[in-house]
Amino acid sequence: MNEINQNNWNKHPNQIWSFQNMKELFSTKTLSKSKDPSVFEVKLNQEIEKFEFDTLEGKSISVKDSFNETHADAFLVIKNDEIIYEKYFNEMSMQSPHLMNSISKSFLGMLAGALVGKGIIDPEDKISNLIPEFKDSAFAETTLQNALDMAGAVKFGEDYAESEADFWHETAMVGWRPDLKENLKANNLMEYALSLKETEQIDGEKYHYRTVLTDVAAMALEKAADKSVFDLMNEHIWQRLKPENDAHVVLDSNDFPYFGAGMNASARDLGRFGLMVLNNGMFSGEQIVPESWLKDTIAGDAGYRKRFAESEQGPMMPDGHYKNKMWVVDENIMLCIGIHGQFICINKATNSVIVRFSSQPEPLDLMMFANTLAGIQSVSSKI
């Protein structure tokens, strides 16, 4: 195998290895496994992989056959708190961490809820009031809630197919694009965010997915709590999930964690997170995130649905919305989504959680994305 390094880690087929080995390539910090991990009951139902669904191209395919076509690395199904299907590919195992990409954002959204519930921060606080340096930036009027809902004013391009999109420039701050770093004056995520001066809308006016808003929200949580956001995540979310494996978060040059897209964890531990969301913030007998935060997230309102419907992503979820870093399909289904085929599907109607890891060649192949999601939703609805 040719050497995989920071310059080629995200090129196919290198992602098959790199997505499971990010800590070997980049600076990371470990969220340690629990000393008292929760235990899953396992009652496997292999019939699940025989389920069939229709692809966007109009052909019928089994779940099992779809794994190869959509570059699956892991597929985990939990129903009624029991693991009923678990399959790994490409040398991945139940212990392996895997790059979550933007599922990381959903963890940050739930951390915000936990801190709001404890009175540490108000979602209507302006980020620039918490961090005065942002008063001279595109985030001057952005509230924490605007940032959590991808409704801030900042002008920021997130077309993954565009090799010099703003998204990729921001990832240069954590070493993901060394070729872009030399042309930037910023050296870390904070400096990069402060360099953004242009706006594309009034705060709260529209939904537009921009990763930088997650990283600025993380900075605001850190400032409000006067504690590192890494430690906040570990204390208020990660350890309370009683995880069985270590997780890793990619860091910038200031050791600030990249919760925009840089978390890595095992499928089972993402399953625990999904169960916490499924059960309105409760996991293993403990209220981790306020029930009201989860209920408000899934409920949204007409304004949320209108803003999402008018966005370029509107057609993928008719009547859906995006709030608190969660994709809400309807009153029963929420999704956490990351590029290259990472998903958590939480379905209240079937009391189930599905975790899917992938190493899809392109960040966002729309056909492959749609077929991957169709397979997940087929299983989610039938079990």
Protein backbone atom coordinates (compact mmCIF):
# COMPACT_ATOMS: atom_id res chain seq x y z
CA MET A 1 0.00 0.00 0.00
CA ASN A 2 1.33 3.44 -0.89
CA GLU A 3 1.99 5.70 2.05
CA ILE A 4 -1.14 7.45 3.27
CA ASN A 5 -0.41 10.93 4.59
CA GLN A 6 -1.99 14.32 5.23
CA ASN A 7 -1.88 15.13 1.51
CA ASN A 8 -3.69 12.06 0.20
CA TRP A 9 -5.67 10.70 3.16
CA ASN A 10 -9.02 11.83 1.72
CA LYS A 11 -8.56 10.37 -1.75
CA HIS A 12 -10.17 7.07 -2.73
CA PRO A 13 -9.33 4.34 -1.80
CA ASN A 14 -7.16 5.78 0.99
CA GLN A 15 -10.22 6.75 3.05
CA ILE A 16 -10.87 3.06 3.76
CA TRP A 17 -7.81 3.11 6.02
CA SER A 18 -7.62 6.76 7.02
CA PHE A 19 -11.21 7.07 8.26
CA GLN A 20 -10.37 4.38 10.86
CA ASN A 21 -6.94 5.79 11.69
CA MET A 22 -7.26 9.57 11.94
CA LYS A 23 -5.22 9.67 15.13
CA GLU A 24 -2.26 8.26 13.18
CA LEU A 25 -2.44 11.15 10.71
CA PHE A 26 -3.48 14.21 12.69
CA SER A 27 -3.21 15.79 16.12
CA THR A 28 -6.06 14.41 18.23
CA LYS A 29 -7.19 14.25 21.84
CA THR A 30 -8.86 11.22 23.38
CA LEU A 31 -12.29 11.04 24.97
CA SER A 32 -11.67 8.01 27.16
CA LYS A 33 -13.92 5.00 27.37
CA SER A 34 -15.97 4.56 30.53
CA LYS A 35 -14.64 2.66 33.50
CA ASP A 36 -18.18 1.27 33.79
CA PRO A 37 -19.47 0.92 30.22
CA SER A 38 -23.08 0.11 29.58
CA VAL A 39 -23.79 -3.34 28.17
CA PHE A 40 -25.94 -4.15 25.15
CA GLU A 41 -28.10 -7.23 24.91
CA VAL A 42 -27.45 -8.85 21.51
CA LYS A 43 -30.23 -10.73 19.69
CA LEU A 44 -29.17 -10.82 16.06
CA ASN A 45 -31.68 -11.02 13.23
CA GLN A 46 -29.78 -11.80 10.04
CA GLU A 47 -33.00 -11.52 8.02
CA ILE A 48 -32.47 -7.76 8.08
CA GLU A 49 -29.81 -7.95 5.39
CA LYS A 50 -32.34 -9.63 3.07
CA PHE A 51 -34.69 -6.64 3.21
CA GLU A 52 -35.09 -5.08 -0.21
CA PHE A 53 -35.61 -1.46 -1.21
CA ASP A 54 -35.77 0.57 -4.39
CA THR A 55 -32.78 2.67 -5.34
CA LEU A 56 -33.04 6.11 -6.89
CA GLU A 57 -32.28 4.46 -10.24
CA GLY A 58 -35.43 2.37 -9.82
CA LYS A 59 -33.89 -1.05 -9.19
CA SER A 60 -34.66 -3.32 -6.27
CA ILE A 61 -31.66 -4.29 -4.15
CA SER A 62 -31.12 -6.12 -0.89
CA VAL A 63 -29.62 -4.35 2.08
CA LYS A 64 -26.71 -6.80 1.98
CA ASP A 65 -25.93 -6.08 -1.67
CA SER A 66 -26.20 -2.35 -1.09
CA PHE A 67 -23.32 -2.43 1.40
CA ASN A 68 -20.76 -3.05 -1.33
CA GLU A 69 -22.30 -0.56 -3.75
CA THR A 70 -22.30 2.21 -1.14
CA HIS A 71 -18.91 1.45 0.46
CA ALA A 72 -20.14 0.44 3.92
CA ASP A 73 -17.68 0.17 6.82
CA ALA A 74 -20.21 -0.56 9.57
CA PHE A 75 -23.95 -1.12 9.91
CA LEU A 76 -25.47 -1.36 13.39
CA VAL A 77 -29.16 -1.72 14.23
CA ILE A 78 -30.53 -1.27 17.76
CA LYS A 79 -34.19 -1.84 18.61
CA ASN A 80 -35.70 -1.72 22.08
CA ASP A 81 -32.18 -1.19 23.46
CA GLU A 82 -30.96 -4.48 21.94
CA ILE A 83 -28.48 -4.91 19.10
CA ILE A 84 -30.35 -6.87 16.43
CA TYR A 85 -27.87 -6.48 13.56
CA GLU A 86 -24.15 -5.65 13.50
CA LYS A 87 -21.82 -5.95 10.54
CA TYR A 88 -18.35 -4.56 9.85
CA PHE A 89 -16.30 -4.30 6.67
CA ASN A 90 -12.80 -3.26 5.56
CA GLU A 91 -11.13 -4.62 8.70
CA MET A 92 -13.33 -2.49 10.95
CA SER A 93 -14.53 -4.02 14.22
CA MET A 94 -16.80 -3.10 17.12
CA GLN A 95 -13.75 -1.50 18.78
CA SER A 96 -12.65 0.57 15.78
CA PRO A 97 -13.04 4.34 15.80
CA HIS A 98 -14.28 5.86 12.54
CA LEU A 99 -14.33 9.44 11.34
CA MET A 100 -17.83 10.79 11.96
CA ASN A 101 -17.50 13.95 9.87
CA SER A 102 -20.57 16.10 10.55
CA ILE A 103 -22.16 13.69 13.01
CA SER A 104 -19.71 15.58 15.24
CA LYS A 105 -22.02 18.58 14.92
CA SER A 106 -24.92 16.68 16.49
CA PHE A 107 -22.79 15.93 19.55
CA LEU A 108 -22.06 19.67 19.82
CA GLY A 109 -25.78 20.45 19.50
CA MET A 110 -26.62 18.12 22.36
CA LEU A 111 -23.80 19.56 24.48
CA ALA A 112 -25.33 23.00 23.93
CA GLY A 113 -28.64 21.63 25.19
CA ALA A 114 -27.03 20.21 28.32
CA LEU A 115 -25.36 23.56 29.09
CA VAL A 116 -28.54 25.53 28.40
CA GLY A 117 -30.36 23.20 30.77
CA LYS A 118 -27.84 23.96 33.50
CA GLY A 119 -28.16 27.71 32.99
CA ILE A 120 -24.57 28.05 31.77
CA ILE A 121 -25.55 29.70 28.51
CA ASP A 122 -28.68 31.21 26.94
CA PRO A 123 -29.33 30.18 23.32
CA GLU A 124 -30.25 33.79 22.54
CA ASP A 125 -26.86 35.07 23.71
CA LYS A 126 -24.94 36.80 20.94
CA ILE A 127 -21.64 35.12 20.26
CA SER A 128 -19.98 38.54 20.06
CA ASN A 129 -21.18 39.37 23.58
CA LEU A 130 -19.47 36.23 24.84
CA ILE A 131 -16.38 36.69 22.65
CA PRO A 132 -15.91 40.44 21.99
CA GLU A 133 -13.38 39.81 19.20
CA PHE A 134 -16.28 38.68 17.02
CA LYS A 135 -17.88 42.16 17.10
CA ASP A 136 -15.73 43.01 14.06
CA SER A 137 -16.67 39.93 12.05
CA ALA A 138 -19.53 38.33 10.14
CA PHE A 139 -20.71 36.86 13.46
CA ALA A 140 -21.35 40.22 15.15
CA GLU A 141 -25.13 39.69 15.44
CA THR A 142 -25.20 35.87 15.39
CA THR A 143 -26.79 34.22 18.43
CA LEU A 144 -25.89 30.76 19.67
CA GLN A 145 -29.29 29.56 18.41
CA ASN A 146 -28.59 31.01 14.95
CA ALA A 147 -25.33 29.08 14.89
CA LEU A 148 -26.94 25.85 16.10
CA ASP A 149 -29.59 26.13 13.39
CA MET A 150 -27.25 27.05 10.49
CA ALA A 151 -29.00 30.41 10.25
CA GLY A 152 -26.11 32.81 10.88
CA ALA A 153 -25.21 35.67 8.57
CA VAL A 154 -21.68 34.66 7.58
CA LYS A 155 -20.79 34.19 3.92
CA PHE A 156 -19.22 30.75 3.68
CA GLY A 157 -19.13 28.28 0.80
CA GLU A 158 -19.64 24.58 1.51
CA ASP A 159 -19.66 23.00 -1.94
CA TYR A 160 -17.51 19.96 -1.25
CA ALA A 161 -16.89 19.41 -4.96
CA GLU A 162 -15.16 22.81 -5.12
CA SER A 163 -11.59 22.07 -4.04
CA GLU A 164 -11.04 25.62 -2.78
CA ALA A 165 -14.38 26.11 -1.06
CA ASP A 166 -14.36 27.91 2.28
CA PHE A 167 -15.10 24.59 3.96
CA TRP A 168 -11.79 23.15 2.79
CA HIS A 169 -9.93 26.31 3.79
CA GLU A 170 -11.28 25.91 7.31
CA THR A 171 -10.21 22.26 7.41
CA ALA A 172 -6.67 23.44 6.63
CA MET A 173 -6.66 24.73 10.21
CA VAL A 174 -6.65 21.12 11.45
CA GLY A 175 -4.21 19.84 8.83
CA TRP A 176 -6.69 18.25 6.45
CA ARG A 177 -5.62 20.38 3.48
CA PRO A 178 -1.93 21.30 3.82
CA ASP A 179 -1.95 22.66 0.26
CA LEU A 180 -4.34 25.43 1.32
CA LYS A 181 -2.70 26.35 4.63
CA GLU A 182 0.24 28.22 3.13
CA ASN A 183 -2.07 30.73 1.42
CA LEU A 184 -3.96 31.59 4.60
CA LYS A 185 -3.01 34.13 7.23
CA ALA A 186 -5.00 32.25 9.88
CA ASN A 187 -3.31 29.53 11.90
CA ASN A 188 -6.21 28.05 13.86
CA LEU A 189 -10.00 27.77 13.89
CA MET A 190 -10.50 30.96 15.93
CA GLU A 191 -8.27 33.06 13.69
CA TYR A 192 -9.99 31.65 10.62
CA ALA A 193 -13.48 32.47 11.96
CA LEU A 194 -12.36 36.00 12.93
CA SER A 195 -11.08 36.53 9.38
CA LEU A 196 -14.60 36.13 7.95
CA LYS A 197 -16.07 39.60 7.51
CA GLU A 198 -18.64 39.20 4.72
CA THR A 199 -22.27 38.26 5.30
CA GLU A 200 -24.74 36.63 2.93
CA GLN A 201 -27.97 37.20 4.86
CA ILE A 202 -29.49 38.66 7.99
CA ASP A 203 -29.03 36.42 11.01
CA GLY A 204 -31.98 34.04 11.32
CA GLU A 205 -33.27 34.85 7.84
CA LYS A 206 -32.42 31.59 6.06
CA TYR A 207 -31.16 28.10 6.65
CA HIS A 208 -27.81 27.49 4.92
CA TYR A 209 -25.52 24.68 6.05
CA ARG A 210 -22.07 26.05 6.97
CA THR A 211 -19.63 24.12 9.17
CA VAL A 212 -17.92 27.23 10.51
CA LEU A 213 -21.09 28.05 12.48
CA THR A 214 -20.59 24.86 14.50
CA ASP A 215 -17.02 25.76 15.35
CA VAL A 216 -18.02 29.26 16.42
CA ALA A 217 -20.79 27.76 18.57
CA ALA A 218 -18.18 25.54 20.23
CA MET A 219 -16.07 28.64 20.99
CA ALA A 220 -19.11 30.32 22.54
CA LEU A 221 -19.86 27.33 24.78
CA GLU A 222 -16.27 27.30 25.96
CA LYS A 223 -16.33 31.00 26.80
CA ALA A 224 -19.68 30.85 28.59
CA ALA A 225 -18.63 27.91 30.75
CA ASP A 226 -15.05 29.14 31.26
CA LYS A 227 -13.92 25.60 30.57
CA SER A 228 -12.50 23.90 27.50
CA VAL A 229 -15.21 22.66 25.17
CA PHE A 230 -13.37 19.33 24.99
CA ASP A 231 -13.71 18.91 28.76
CA LEU A 232 -17.33 20.04 28.57
CA MET A 233 -18.05 17.36 25.95
CA ASN A 234 -16.30 14.73 28.02
CA GLU A 235 -18.08 15.67 31.26
CA HIS A 236 -21.60 16.47 30.09
CA ILE A 237 -22.05 14.06 27.15
CA TRP A 238 -19.34 11.48 26.49
CA GLN A 239 -18.78 9.95 29.93
CA ARG A 240 -22.49 9.93 30.66
CA LEU A 241 -23.05 7.75 27.60
CA LYS A 242 -20.95 5.06 29.35
CA PRO A 243 -18.97 4.35 26.16
CA GLU A 244 -17.09 1.08 25.66
CA ASN A 245 -14.38 2.52 23.40
CA ASP A 246 -12.18 5.59 23.27
CA ALA A 247 -13.11 8.39 20.88
CA HIS A 248 -10.75 10.93 19.33
CA VAL A 249 -11.24 14.53 18.27
CA VAL A 250 -9.01 16.22 15.70
CA LEU A 251 -7.36 19.42 17.00
CA ASP A 252 -6.13 22.66 15.48
CA SER A 253 -2.69 24.16 16.24
CA ASN A 254 -4.10 25.68 19.46
CA ASP A 255 -5.43 22.27 20.55
CA PHE A 256 -9.00 23.45 19.96
CA PRO A 257 -11.23 20.49 19.03
CA TYR A 258 -12.79 20.41 15.57
CA PHE A 259 -16.39 19.60 16.46
CA GLY A 260 -17.42 20.78 13.01
CA ALA A 261 -16.35 17.44 11.54
CA GLY A 262 -13.45 15.95 13.49
CA MET A 263 -14.83 13.42 15.97
CA ASN A 264 -14.02 9.71 15.64
CA ALA A 265 -15.83 6.99 17.58
CA SER A 266 -17.03 3.40 17.35
CA ALA A 267 -20.38 2.41 15.89
CA ARG A 268 -21.63 1.08 19.23
CA ASP A 269 -20.83 4.34 21.00
CA LEU A 270 -22.69 6.27 18.32
CA GLY A 271 -25.53 3.86 19.01
CA ARG A 272 -25.48 4.97 22.64
CA PHE A 273 -25.69 8.59 21.54
CA GLY A 274 -28.62 7.70 19.27
CA LEU A 275 -30.42 5.97 22.13
CA MET A 276 -29.97 9.06 24.30
CA VAL A 277 -31.60 11.17 21.58
CA LEU A 278 -34.32 8.56 21.01
CA ASN A 279 -35.20 8.63 24.70
CA ASN A 280 -35.52 12.41 24.94
CA GLY A 281 -32.09 12.94 26.47
CA MET A 282 -32.20 10.01 28.88
CA PHE A 283 -29.60 7.24 28.88
CA SER A 284 -28.88 4.53 31.43
CA GLY A 285 -31.24 6.15 33.93
CA GLU A 286 -29.68 9.60 33.69
CA GLN A 287 -31.11 12.74 32.06
CA ILE A 288 -28.08 13.83 30.02
CA VAL A 289 -29.79 16.47 27.87
CA PRO A 290 -33.04 18.17 28.96
CA GLU A 291 -36.16 16.51 27.59
CA SER A 292 -37.39 19.95 26.51
CA TRP A 293 -34.30 20.41 24.29
CA LEU A 294 -35.01 17.20 22.39
CA LYS A 295 -38.74 17.89 22.13
CA ASP A 296 -38.09 21.42 20.85
CA THR A 297 -35.57 20.03 18.38
CA ILE A 298 -37.96 17.53 16.81
CA ALA A 299 -40.96 19.88 16.92
CA GLY A 300 -39.39 22.91 15.25
CA ASP A 301 -42.08 25.24 13.96
CA ALA A 302 -43.49 26.57 10.69
CA GLY A 303 -40.60 29.02 10.37
CA TYR A 304 -38.01 26.26 10.63
CA ARG A 305 -39.82 24.17 8.03
CA LYS A 306 -40.22 27.12 5.68
CA ARG A 307 -36.54 28.06 5.88
CA PHE A 308 -35.48 24.47 5.26
CA ALA A 309 -37.95 23.99 2.38
CA GLU A 310 -36.54 27.08 0.67
CA SER A 311 -32.96 25.83 0.94
CA GLU A 312 -31.11 23.71 -1.63
CA GLN A 313 -31.47 20.73 0.72
CA GLY A 314 -35.23 21.17 1.09
CA PRO A 315 -36.22 18.52 -1.48
CA MET A 316 -34.41 15.76 0.41
CA MET A 317 -36.73 16.13 3.43
CA PRO A 318 -40.16 17.51 2.49
CA ASP A 319 -41.75 18.97 5.63
CA GLY A 320 -38.44 18.46 7.46
CA HIS A 321 -36.23 20.97 9.21
CA TYR A 322 -32.81 21.44 10.80
CA LYS A 323 -32.46 22.49 14.42
CA ASN A 324 -29.80 22.18 17.11
CA LYS A 325 -27.49 20.35 14.68
CA MET A 326 -30.07 17.64 13.99
CA TRP A 327 -31.82 16.81 10.72
CA VAL A 328 -35.52 16.29 11.49
CA VAL A 329 -37.47 14.27 8.90
CA ASP A 330 -40.82 14.28 10.71
CA GLU A 331 -42.26 13.89 14.20
CA ASN A 332 -40.66 10.44 14.55
CA ILE A 333 -37.37 10.46 12.64
CA MET A 334 -34.18 12.42 13.25
CA LEU A 335 -30.87 12.02 11.44
CA CYS A 336 -27.24 12.85 12.13
CA ILE A 337 -25.38 13.05 8.82
CA GLY A 338 -21.73 13.26 7.77
CA ILE A 339 -20.15 13.43 4.33
CA HIS A 340 -18.73 10.27 2.75
CA GLY A 341 -21.76 8.31 4.03
CA GLN A 342 -21.93 8.64 7.83
CA PHE A 343 -25.40 8.38 9.41
CA ILE A 344 -27.31 7.90 12.62
CA CYS A 345 -31.05 7.33 12.10
CA ILE A 346 -33.25 7.70 15.18
CA ASN A 347 -36.82 6.43 14.70
CA LYS A 348 -39.30 6.87 17.53
CA ALA A 349 -42.04 4.97 15.67
CA THR A 350 -39.99 1.75 15.64
CA ASN A 351 -37.97 2.55 18.81
CA SER A 352 -34.79 2.05 16.85
CA VAL A 353 -31.36 3.51 16.14
CA ILE A 354 -29.27 2.71 13.08
CA VAL A 355 -25.60 3.65 12.75
CA ARG A 356 -23.92 3.55 9.37
CA PHE A 357 -20.24 4.27 8.67
CA SER A 358 -18.86 4.44 5.14
CA SER A 359 -15.79 5.33 3.12
CA GLN A 360 -17.57 6.62 0.04
CA PRO A 361 -15.13 8.02 -2.54
CA GLU A 362 -16.69 11.48 -2.89
CA PRO A 363 -17.78 13.75 -0.03
CA LEU A 364 -21.27 14.03 -1.49
CA ASP A 365 -22.27 11.76 -4.36
CA LEU A 366 -25.97 12.60 -4.40
CA MET A 367 -27.06 9.31 -5.95
CA MET A 368 -25.01 7.27 -3.49
CA PHE A 369 -26.16 9.48 -0.61
CA ALA A 370 -29.81 8.93 -1.55
CA ASN A 371 -29.39 5.17 -1.95
CA THR A 372 -27.52 4.86 1.34
CA LEU A 373 -30.26 6.76 3.14
CA ALA A 374 -32.96 4.73 1.38
CA GLY A 375 -31.42 1.51 2.67
CA ILE A 376 -31.20 2.88 6.20
CA GLN A 377 -34.79 4.12 6.18
CA SER A 378 -36.02 0.83 4.72
CA VAL A 379 -34.55 -1.09 7.65
CA SER A 380 -35.66 1.56 10.13
CA SER A 381 -39.28 1.34 9.00
CA LYS A 382 -39.51 -2.47 8.74
CA ILE A 383 -37.95 -3.69 11.97
